[in-house]
Amino acid sequence: MFVLDTNTVIYFFKGMGQVADRLYATSPGEVALPSLVLYELQTGIQKSTDGRRRRRQLQALVDATNVLPFGVAEANQAAVIRARLEAAGTPIGPIDTLIAATAMAANAALVTRNRREFERVPGLSVVDWFKGGRNA
């Protein structure tokens, strides 16, 4: 399964990079959207001057994919991630910690262009669809 980070969805909406090609080549059943990414996207839409179109795009994506909730397993995983990264002196942002935990709890790869931050998370599979390739 592939879990989409916020930047990946934004690139998809804007037609940037190879994200759309990779997304369309992947079965919708293999794609998930963390509820936290949905929150970040909804916040952006609320601030957008093009909110109506973005809202339609987001709804179509939500309808075609799985939305992953943030529950007990995700909270436990996030606590482990945060503690490990803080102990190593390499923390990441709080919402990114929760997104990483959601992907890990789902045993999924996180699709993001923000490799620099997410690759700090031990055990998290990170892929970048921006430049192309399923696992690039």
C-alpha atoms as a PDB file:
ATOM      1  CA  MET A   1       0.000   0.000   0.000  1.00  0.00           C
ATOM      2  CA  PHE A   2       1.075   3.581  -0.682  1.00  0.00           C
ATOM      3  CA  VAL A   3       0.187   6.394   1.718  1.00  0.00           C
ATOM      4  CA  LEU A   4       0.242   9.878   0.191  1.00  0.00           C
ATOM      5  CA  ASP A   5       1.892  12.795   1.956  1.00  0.00           C
ATOM      6  CA  THR A   6       0.450  16.283   1.594  1.00  0.00           C
ATOM      7  CA  ASN A   7       3.062  17.460  -0.919  1.00  0.00           C
ATOM      8  CA  THR A   8       2.373  14.463  -3.166  1.00  0.00           C
ATOM      9  CA  VAL A   9      -1.330  15.320  -3.343  1.00  0.00           C
ATOM     10  CA  ILE A  10      -0.545  18.954  -4.086  1.00  0.00           C
ATOM     11  CA  TYR A  11       1.794  17.919  -6.918  1.00  0.00           C
ATOM     12  CA  PHE A  12      -0.958  15.637  -8.237  1.00  0.00           C
ATOM     13  CA  PHE A  13      -3.512  18.471  -8.200  1.00  0.00           C
ATOM     14  CA  LYS A  14      -1.091  20.832  -9.938  1.00  0.00           C
ATOM     15  CA  GLY A  15       0.096  18.272 -12.491  1.00  0.00           C
ATOM     16  CA  MET A  16       3.693  18.561 -11.321  1.00  0.00           C
ATOM     17  CA  GLY A  17       6.378  15.930 -11.787  1.00  0.00           C
ATOM     18  CA  GLN A  18       5.429  12.330 -12.506  1.00  0.00           C
ATOM     19  CA  VAL A  19       2.984  12.043  -9.586  1.00  0.00           C
ATOM     20  CA  ALA A  20      -0.167  11.743 -11.718  1.00  0.00           C
ATOM     21  CA  ASP A  21       1.398   9.062 -13.925  1.00  0.00           C
ATOM     22  CA  ARG A  22       2.427   7.015 -10.884  1.00  0.00           C
ATOM     23  CA  LEU A  23      -0.910   7.509  -9.150  1.00  0.00           C
ATOM     24  CA  TYR A  24      -2.931   6.501 -12.219  1.00  0.00           C
ATOM     25  CA  ALA A  25      -0.697   3.436 -12.668  1.00  0.00           C
ATOM     26  CA  THR A  26      -1.492   2.278  -9.123  1.00  0.00           C
ATOM     27  CA  SER A  27      -4.718   0.522  -8.174  1.00  0.00           C
ATOM     28  CA  PRO A  28      -6.937   2.806  -6.055  1.00  0.00           C
ATOM     29  CA  GLY A  29      -7.137   0.010  -3.477  1.00  0.00           C
ATOM     30  CA  GLU A  30      -3.382   0.350  -2.965  1.00  0.00           C
ATOM     31  CA  VAL A  31      -3.540   4.097  -2.246  1.00  0.00           C
ATOM     32  CA  ALA A  32      -4.441   5.678   1.073  1.00  0.00           C
ATOM     33  CA  LEU A  33      -4.695   9.174   2.454  1.00  0.00           C
ATOM     34  CA  PRO A  34      -4.027   9.773   6.164  1.00  0.00           C
ATOM     35  CA  SER A  35      -6.732  11.790   7.877  1.00  0.00           C
ATOM     36  CA  LEU A  36      -3.956  14.175   8.947  1.00  0.00           C
ATOM     37  CA  VAL A  37      -3.068  14.836   5.304  1.00  0.00           C
ATOM     38  CA  LEU A  38      -6.753  15.461   4.653  1.00  0.00           C
ATOM     39  CA  TYR A  39      -6.656  18.014   7.488  1.00  0.00           C
ATOM     40  CA  GLU A  40      -3.620  19.771   5.981  1.00  0.00           C
ATOM     41  CA  LEU A  41      -5.216  19.839   2.533  1.00  0.00           C
ATOM     42  CA  GLN A  42      -8.537  21.124   3.883  1.00  0.00           C
ATOM     43  CA  THR A  43      -6.665  23.887   5.705  1.00  0.00           C
ATOM     44  CA  GLY A  44      -4.952  24.871   2.460  1.00  0.00           C
ATOM     45  CA  ILE A  45      -8.271  24.863   0.634  1.00  0.00           C
ATOM     46  CA  GLN A  46      -9.803  27.147   3.268  1.00  0.00           C
ATOM     47  CA  LYS A  47      -7.005  29.636   2.590  1.00  0.00           C
ATOM     48  CA  SER A  48      -7.050  29.204  -1.199  1.00  0.00           C
ATOM     49  CA  THR A  49      -8.377  31.631  -3.762  1.00  0.00           C
ATOM     50  CA  ASP A  50      -9.227  28.572  -5.901  1.00  0.00           C
ATOM     51  CA  GLY A  51     -11.027  26.681  -3.136  1.00  0.00           C
ATOM     52  CA  ARG A  52     -13.997  25.430  -5.137  1.00  0.00           C
ATOM     53  CA  ARG A  53     -11.879  23.592  -7.720  1.00  0.00           C
ATOM     54  CA  ARG A  54      -9.465  22.221  -5.115  1.00  0.00           C
ATOM     55  CA  ARG A  55     -12.383  21.015  -2.980  1.00  0.00           C
ATOM     56  CA  ARG A  56     -13.761  19.064  -5.963  1.00  0.00           C
ATOM     57  CA  GLN A  57     -10.334  17.582  -6.681  1.00  0.00           C
ATOM     58  CA  LEU A  58      -9.890  16.541  -3.073  1.00  0.00           C
ATOM     59  CA  GLN A  59     -13.342  14.991  -2.869  1.00  0.00           C
ATOM     60  CA  ALA A  60     -12.654  12.948  -6.003  1.00  0.00           C
ATOM     61  CA  LEU A  61      -9.402  11.700  -4.478  1.00  0.00           C
ATOM     62  CA  VAL A  62     -11.084  10.847  -1.176  1.00  0.00           C
ATOM     63  CA  ASP A  63     -13.823   8.973  -3.048  1.00  0.00           C
ATOM     64  CA  ALA A  64     -11.238   6.941  -4.995  1.00  0.00           C
ATOM     65  CA  THR A  65      -8.865   6.046  -2.135  1.00  0.00           C
ATOM     66  CA  ASN A  66      -8.873   4.868   1.456  1.00  0.00           C
ATOM     67  CA  VAL A  67      -8.737   7.432   4.246  1.00  0.00           C
ATOM     68  CA  LEU A  68      -6.692   6.188   7.182  1.00  0.00           C
ATOM     69  CA  PRO A  69      -7.838   7.361  10.614  1.00  0.00           C
ATOM     70  CA  PHE A  70      -5.487   8.278  13.428  1.00  0.00           C
ATOM     71  CA  GLY A  71      -6.267   5.898  16.263  1.00  0.00           C
ATOM     72  CA  VAL A  72      -4.614   3.935  19.049  1.00  0.00           C
ATOM     73  CA  ALA A  73      -2.106   2.019  16.883  1.00  0.00           C
ATOM     74  CA  GLU A  74      -1.077   5.229  15.130  1.00  0.00           C
ATOM     75  CA  ALA A  75      -0.728   7.094  18.450  1.00  0.00           C
ATOM     76  CA  ASN A  76       1.469   4.341  19.869  1.00  0.00           C
ATOM     77  CA  GLN A  77       3.650   4.323  16.734  1.00  0.00           C
ATOM     78  CA  ALA A  78       3.926   8.127  16.802  1.00  0.00           C
ATOM     79  CA  ALA A  79       5.118   8.063  20.410  1.00  0.00           C
ATOM     80  CA  VAL A  80       7.856   5.572  19.516  1.00  0.00           C
ATOM     81  CA  ILE A  81       8.933   7.648  16.501  1.00  0.00           C
ATOM     82  CA  ARG A  82       9.025  10.902  18.453  1.00  0.00           C
ATOM     83  CA  ALA A  83      10.959   9.425  21.367  1.00  0.00           C
ATOM     84  CA  ARG A  84      13.554   7.795  19.078  1.00  0.00           C
ATOM     85  CA  LEU A  85      14.067  10.872  16.938  1.00  0.00           C
ATOM     86  CA  GLU A  86      14.309  13.219  19.919  1.00  0.00           C
ATOM     87  CA  ALA A  87      16.803  10.887  21.621  1.00  0.00           C
ATOM     88  CA  ALA A  88      18.886  10.930  18.432  1.00  0.00           C
ATOM     89  CA  GLY A  89      18.631  14.725  18.211  1.00  0.00           C
ATOM     90  CA  THR A  90      16.895  14.501  14.815  1.00  0.00           C
ATOM     91  CA  PRO A  91      13.214  15.286  15.426  1.00  0.00           C
ATOM     92  CA  ILE A  92      10.782  16.005  12.615  1.00  0.00           C
ATOM     93  CA  GLY A  93       7.671  18.191  12.672  1.00  0.00           C
ATOM     94  CA  PRO A  94       4.777  17.057  14.871  1.00  0.00           C
ATOM     95  CA  ILE A  95       2.294  16.500  12.047  1.00  0.00           C
ATOM     96  CA  ASP A  96       4.947  14.731   9.978  1.00  0.00           C
ATOM     97  CA  THR A  97       5.526  12.423  12.952  1.00  0.00           C
ATOM     98  CA  LEU A  98       1.813  11.573  12.954  1.00  0.00           C
ATOM     99  CA  ILE A  99       1.755  11.034   9.172  1.00  0.00           C
ATOM    100  CA  ALA A 100       4.795   8.734   9.377  1.00  0.00           C
ATOM    101  CA  ALA A 101       3.134   6.801  12.203  1.00  0.00           C
ATOM    102  CA  THR A 102      -0.022   6.381  10.141  1.00  0.00           C
ATOM    103  CA  ALA A 103       1.963   4.933   7.229  1.00  0.00           C
ATOM    104  CA  MET A 104       3.916   2.608   9.512  1.00  0.00           C
ATOM    105  CA  ALA A 105       0.794   1.398  11.341  1.00  0.00           C
ATOM    106  CA  ALA A 106      -0.672   0.523   7.918  1.00  0.00           C
ATOM    107  CA  ASN A 107       2.541  -1.280   6.868  1.00  0.00           C
ATOM    108  CA  ALA A 108       2.666   1.063   3.888  1.00  0.00           C
ATOM    109  CA  ALA A 109       5.229   3.127   2.015  1.00  0.00           C
ATOM    110  CA  LEU A 110       4.934   6.888   2.420  1.00  0.00           C
ATOM    111  CA  VAL A 111       4.921   8.708  -0.920  1.00  0.00           C
ATOM    112  CA  THR A 112       6.583  12.079  -0.406  1.00  0.00           C
ATOM    113  CA  ARG A 113       9.119  14.404  -1.901  1.00  0.00           C
ATOM    114  CA  ASN A 114      10.209  15.338   1.615  1.00  0.00           C
ATOM    115  CA  ARG A 115      12.704  12.488   1.852  1.00  0.00           C
ATOM    116  CA  ARG A 116      15.156  14.514   3.914  1.00  0.00           C
ATOM    117  CA  GLU A 117      12.788  14.655   6.849  1.00  0.00           C
ATOM    118  CA  PHE A 118      10.934  11.354   6.569  1.00  0.00           C
ATOM    119  CA  GLU A 119      14.035   9.221   5.960  1.00  0.00           C
ATOM    120  CA  ARG A 120      15.050  10.025   9.539  1.00  0.00           C
ATOM    121  CA  VAL A 121      12.240   7.749  10.734  1.00  0.00           C
ATOM    122  CA  PRO A 122      13.665   4.266  11.389  1.00  0.00           C
ATOM    123  CA  GLY A 123      11.697   1.563   9.608  1.00  0.00           C
ATOM    124  CA  LEU A 124       9.587   3.917   7.469  1.00  0.00           C
ATOM    125  CA  SER A 125       9.541   3.051   3.765  1.00  0.00           C
ATOM    126  CA  VAL A 126       9.741   6.293   1.773  1.00  0.00           C
ATOM    127  CA  VAL A 127       9.228   6.657  -1.991  1.00  0.00           C
ATOM    128  CA  ASP A 128       9.181   9.729  -4.221  1.00  0.00           C
ATOM    129  CA  TRP A 129       6.876   9.694  -7.242  1.00  0.00           C
ATOM    130  CA  PHE A 130       7.766  13.247  -8.303  1.00  0.00           C
ATOM    131  CA  LYS A 131      10.701  12.204 -10.477  1.00  0.00           C
ATOM    132  CA  GLY A 132       9.032   9.060 -11.722  1.00  0.00           C
ATOM    133  CA  GLY A 133       9.303   5.386 -11.035  1.00  0.00           C
ATOM    134  CA  ARG A 134       7.121   3.481  -8.600  1.00  0.00           C
ATOM    135  CA  ASN A 135       9.882   3.284  -6.054  1.00  0.00           C
ATOM    136  CA  ALA A 136      12.053   6.186  -7.146  1.00  0.00           C
END
